C-alpha atoms as a PDB file:
ATOM      1  CA  MET A   1     117.164 -21.778 -13.390  1.00  0.00           C
ATOM      2  CA  ILE A   2     114.610 -23.877 -15.258  1.00  0.00           C
ATOM      3  CA  LYS A   3     112.439 -23.913 -12.159  1.00  0.00           C
ATOM      4  CA  ARG A   4     112.534 -20.262 -11.943  1.00  0.00           C
ATOM      5  CA  LYS A   5     111.494 -19.898 -15.513  1.00  0.00           C
ATOM      6  CA  ILE A   6     108.533 -22.257 -14.957  1.00  0.00           C
ATOM      7  CA  SER A   7     107.324 -20.490 -11.935  1.00  0.00           C
ATOM      8  CA  ALA A   8     107.689 -17.147 -13.582  1.00  0.00           C
ATOM      9  CA  LEU A   9     105.712 -18.581 -16.520  1.00  0.00           C
ATOM     10  CA  ARG A  10     102.988 -19.836 -14.192  1.00  0.00           C
ATOM     11  CA  ILE A  11     102.767 -16.356 -12.594  1.00  0.00           C
ATOM     12  CA  VAL A  12     102.474 -14.651 -15.873  1.00  0.00           C
ATOM     13  CA  ILE A  13      99.845 -17.120 -17.031  1.00  0.00           C
ATOM     14  CA  CYS A  14      97.842 -16.625 -13.874  1.00  0.00           C
ATOM     15  CA  ILE A  15      98.116 -12.874 -14.088  1.00  0.00           C
ATOM     16  CA  THR A  16      97.007 -13.062 -17.811  1.00  0.00           C
ATOM     17  CA  MET A  17      93.981 -15.109 -16.863  1.00  0.00           C
ATOM     18  CA  LEU A  18      93.091 -12.890 -13.974  1.00  0.00           C
ATOM     19  CA  PHE A  19      93.144  -9.940 -16.373  1.00  0.00           C
ATOM     20  CA  MET A  20      91.099 -11.686 -18.924  1.00  0.00           C
ATOM     21  CA  PHE A  21      88.513 -12.565 -16.313  1.00  0.00           C
ATOM     22  CA  CYS A  22      88.294  -8.944 -15.068  1.00  0.00           C
ATOM     23  CA  PHE A  23      87.837  -7.519 -18.499  1.00  0.00           C
ATOM     24  CA  SER A  24      85.181  -9.934 -19.554  1.00  0.00           C
ATOM     25  CA  LEU A  25      83.020  -9.563 -16.405  1.00  0.00           C
ATOM     26  CA  PRO A  26      81.676  -6.125 -17.504  1.00  0.00           C
ATOM     27  CA  VAL A  27      80.707  -7.493 -20.941  1.00  0.00           C
ATOM     28  CA  VAL A  28      78.677 -10.396 -19.389  1.00  0.00           C
ATOM     29  CA  ALA A  29      76.943  -7.904 -16.955  1.00  0.00           C
ATOM     30  CA  GLN A  30      76.061  -5.512 -19.926  1.00  0.00           C
ATOM     31  CA  VAL A  31      74.443  -8.416 -21.853  1.00  0.00           C
ATOM     32  CA  ARG A  32      72.413  -9.453 -18.742  1.00  0.00           C
ATOM     33  CA  LEU A  33      71.173  -5.869 -18.025  1.00  0.00           C
ATOM     34  CA  GLU A  34      69.789  -5.294 -21.509  1.00  0.00           C
ATOM     35  CA  PRO A  35      66.102  -4.281 -21.169  1.00  0.00           C
ATOM     36  CA  LYS A  36      63.558  -6.978 -22.066  1.00  0.00           C
ATOM     37  CA  PRO A  37      61.248  -6.054 -24.972  1.00  0.00           C
ATOM     38  CA  PRO A  38      57.950  -4.768 -23.717  1.00  0.00           C
ATOM     39  CA  VAL A  39      55.237  -7.359 -23.333  1.00  0.00           C
ATOM     40  CA  LYS A  40      52.507  -6.915 -26.039  1.00  0.00           C
ATOM     41  CA  ARG A  41      49.031  -6.769 -24.489  1.00  0.00           C
ATOM     42  CA  SER A  42      45.701  -7.003 -26.165  1.00  0.00           C
ATOM     43  CA  VAL A  43      43.211  -4.176 -26.185  1.00  0.00           C
ATOM     44  CA  GLU A  44      40.940  -6.272 -24.063  1.00  0.00           C
ATOM     45  CA  GLU A  45      43.626  -6.831 -21.499  1.00  0.00           C
ATOM     46  CA  GLU A  46      44.538  -3.166 -21.310  1.00  0.00           C
ATOM     47  CA  LYS A  47      40.761  -2.389 -20.989  1.00  0.00           C
ATOM     48  CA  ALA A  48      40.506  -4.881 -18.080  1.00  0.00           C
ATOM     49  CA  ARG A  49      43.511  -3.558 -16.331  1.00  0.00           C
ATOM     50  CA  GLU A  50      42.187   0.071 -16.559  1.00  0.00           C
ATOM     51  CA  GLN A  51      38.818  -0.940 -15.368  1.00  0.00           C
ATOM     52  CA  THR A  52      40.369  -2.788 -12.262  1.00  0.00           C
ATOM     53  CA  ARG A  53      42.477   0.378 -11.513  1.00  0.00           C
ATOM     54  CA  TRP A  54      39.275   2.633 -11.785  1.00  0.00           C
ATOM     55  CA  MET A  55      37.406   0.157  -9.483  1.00  0.00           C
ATOM     56  CA  TYR A  56      40.210   0.154  -6.946  1.00  0.00           C
ATOM     57  CA  LYS A  57      40.580   4.014  -6.826  1.00  0.00           C
ATOM     58  CA  ASN A  58      36.839   4.962  -6.857  1.00  0.00           C
ATOM     59  CA  LEU A  59      35.022   2.082  -5.224  1.00  0.00           C
ATOM     60  CA  SER A  60      37.525   1.649  -2.314  1.00  0.00           C
ATOM     61  CA  LEU A  61      38.122  -1.971  -2.865  1.00  0.00           C
ATOM     62  CA  GLU A  62      39.717  -3.944  -0.241  1.00  0.00           C
ATOM     63  CA  THR A  63      42.692  -6.125  -1.017  1.00  0.00           C
ATOM     64  CA  ALA A  64      40.689  -9.399  -1.249  1.00  0.00           C
ATOM     65  CA  GLN A  65      38.102  -7.561  -3.490  1.00  0.00           C
ATOM     66  CA  TYR A  66      40.839  -6.079  -5.668  1.00  0.00           C
ATOM     67  CA  GLU A  67      42.449  -9.495  -6.335  1.00  0.00           C
ATOM     68  CA  LYS A  68      39.112 -11.134  -7.248  1.00  0.00           C
ATOM     69  CA  ILE A  69      37.967  -8.153  -9.439  1.00  0.00           C
ATOM     70  CA  ASN A  70      41.437  -8.321 -11.173  1.00  0.00           C
ATOM     71  CA  ALA A  71      41.273 -12.005 -11.724  1.00  0.00           C
ATOM     72  CA  ILE A  72      37.568 -11.661 -13.177  1.00  0.00           C
ATOM     73  CA  ASN A  73      38.415  -8.723 -15.459  1.00  0.00           C
ATOM     74  CA  LEU A  74      41.608 -10.458 -16.790  1.00  0.00           C
ATOM     75  CA  SER A  75      39.890 -13.974 -17.333  1.00  0.00           C
ATOM     76  CA  PHE A  76      36.952 -12.353 -19.187  1.00  0.00           C
ATOM     77  CA  ALA A  77      39.362 -10.167 -21.202  1.00  0.00           C
ATOM     78  CA  PHE A  78      41.229 -13.343 -22.461  1.00  0.00           C
ATOM     79  CA  LYS A  79      37.719 -14.911 -23.187  1.00  0.00           C
ATOM     80  CA  SER A  80      36.872 -11.919 -25.261  1.00  0.00           C
ATOM     81  CA  ASP A  81      40.033 -12.074 -27.183  1.00  0.00           C
ATOM     82  CA  SER A  82      39.472 -15.728 -28.118  1.00  0.00           C
ATOM     83  CA  LEU A  83      36.259 -14.764 -29.676  1.00  0.00           C
ATOM     84  CA  ASP A  84      38.055 -12.920 -32.442  1.00  0.00           C
ATOM     85  CA  ARG A  85      38.567 -16.331 -34.145  1.00  0.00           C
ATOM     86  CA  ILE A  86      34.841 -16.734 -34.582  1.00  0.00           C
ATOM     87  CA  LYS A  87      33.970 -15.825 -38.224  1.00  0.00           C
ATOM     88  CA  ASN A  88      30.153 -15.743 -37.786  1.00  0.00           C
ATOM     89  CA  LYS A  89      29.248 -12.153 -36.453  1.00  0.00           C
ATOM     90  CA  VAL A  90      25.962 -13.256 -34.995  1.00  0.00           C
ATOM     91  CA  VAL A  91      27.477 -16.136 -33.048  1.00  0.00           C
ATOM     92  CA  ARG A  92      30.399 -13.909 -31.776  1.00  0.00           C
ATOM     93  CA  ALA A  93      27.917 -11.208 -30.642  1.00  0.00           C
ATOM     94  CA  GLU A  94      25.854 -13.939 -28.756  1.00  0.00           C
ATOM     95  CA  GLU A  95      29.103 -15.330 -27.110  1.00  0.00           C
ATOM     96  CA  LYS A  96      30.102 -11.811 -26.122  1.00  0.00           C
ATOM     97  CA  THR A  97      26.755 -11.058 -24.502  1.00  0.00           C
ATOM     98  CA  LYS A  98      27.033 -14.358 -22.623  1.00  0.00           C
ATOM     99  CA  ILE A  99      30.563 -13.504 -21.491  1.00  0.00           C
ATOM    100  CA  LYS A 100      29.424 -10.015 -20.332  1.00  0.00           C
ATOM    101  CA  GLN A 101      26.541 -11.278 -18.369  1.00  0.00           C
ATOM    102  CA  ALA A 102      28.729 -13.972 -16.706  1.00  0.00           C
ATOM    103  CA  LYS A 103      31.294 -11.253 -15.720  1.00  0.00           C
ATOM    104  CA  GLU A 104      28.484  -8.888 -14.420  1.00  0.00           C
ATOM    105  CA  GLU A 105      27.292 -11.835 -12.139  1.00  0.00           C
ATOM    106  CA  GLN A 106      30.767 -12.423 -10.717  1.00  0.00           C
ATOM    107  CA  ILE A 107      31.522  -8.691 -10.169  1.00  0.00           C
ATOM    108  CA  LYS A 108      28.078  -8.192  -8.452  1.00  0.00           C
ATOM    109  CA  LYS A 109      28.870 -11.154  -6.126  1.00  0.00           C
ATOM    110  CA  THR A 110      32.376  -9.543  -5.265  1.00  0.00           C
ATOM    111  CA  LEU A 111      31.265  -5.996  -4.623  1.00  0.00           C
ATOM    112  CA  THR A 112      29.041  -4.648  -1.749  1.00  0.00           C
ATOM    113  CA  GLU A 113      25.673  -3.213  -2.840  1.00  0.00           C
ATOM    114  CA  GLU A 114      26.931   0.329  -2.490  1.00  0.00           C
ATOM    115  CA  GLN A 115      29.896  -0.398  -4.551  1.00  0.00           C
ATOM    116  CA  TYR A 116      27.941  -2.075  -7.128  1.00  0.00           C
ATOM    117  CA  LYS A 117      25.642   0.915  -7.405  1.00  0.00           C
ATOM    118  CA  GLN A 118      28.392   3.280  -7.995  1.00  0.00           C
ATOM    119  CA  PHE A 119      29.880   0.849 -10.548  1.00  0.00           C
ATOM    120  CA  THR A 120      26.593   0.616 -12.535  1.00  0.00           C
ATOM    121  CA  ALA A 121      26.073   4.363 -12.303  1.00  0.00           C
ATOM    122  CA  HIS A 122      29.532   5.029 -13.695  1.00  0.00           C
ATOM    123  CA  ARG A 123      29.014   2.422 -16.534  1.00  0.00           C
ATOM    124  CA  GLU A 124      25.711   3.969 -17.507  1.00  0.00           C
ATOM    125  CA  LYS A 125      27.394   7.439 -17.547  1.00  0.00           C
ATOM    126  CA  GLN A 126      30.256   6.130 -19.801  1.00  0.00           C
ATOM    127  CA  THR A 127      27.788   4.668 -22.302  1.00  0.00           C
ATOM    128  CA  SER A 128      25.582   7.731 -22.427  1.00  0.00           C
ATOM    129  CA  GLN A 129      28.783   9.891 -23.303  1.00  0.00           C
ATOM    130  CA  LYS A 130      29.965   7.727 -26.245  1.00  0.00           C
ATOM    131  CA  LYS A 131      30.088   9.630 -29.459  1.00  0.00           C
ATOM    132  CA  SER A 132      27.432   9.237 -32.158  1.00  0.00           C
ATOM    133  CA  PRO A 133      28.857   7.630 -35.250  1.00  0.00           C
ATOM    134  CA  PHE A 134      26.508   9.703 -37.502  1.00  0.00           C
ATOM    135  CA  THR A 135      26.617  13.274 -36.035  1.00  0.00           C
ATOM    136  CA  GLY A 136      29.966  13.369 -34.252  1.00  0.00           C
ATOM    137  CA  THR A 137      28.279  14.681 -31.129  1.00  0.00           C
ATOM    138  CA  TYR A 138      27.977  13.102 -27.720  1.00  0.00           C
ATOM    139  CA  LEU A 139      24.902  11.022 -27.085  1.00  0.00           C
ATOM    140  CA  GLY A 140      24.749  12.329 -23.532  1.00  0.00           C
ATOM    141  CA  GLN A 141      24.037  15.961 -24.511  1.00  0.00           C
END
């Protein structure tokens, strides 16, 4: 009789543990499926990604060109972000100019002549359409 009670007790314990495991599994799954907080990106990084997307779409970049351009844009975006720590405005402007020139050289090496012409034409159009800070009108008009 004692053996029956012990075996019945073992069965009850096993069933209880099985239920506990089954009911705790969805809780663990919910914790793991929580969305991650969005990655905060800098303005320069967003501009670099947007420029890469535009170049891929409008310049018909090949896969190898796309990867190189993406790496160039992102690396120079991170370099530009690091310039914000420089307090002297003149030094910061000089460094930014150097970074833009180095980026321009690398982009020119990566693109074909026709692609580079399209790229520079688009850039000139964009700069001519910027708003004038004094009149509120577009400079290109």
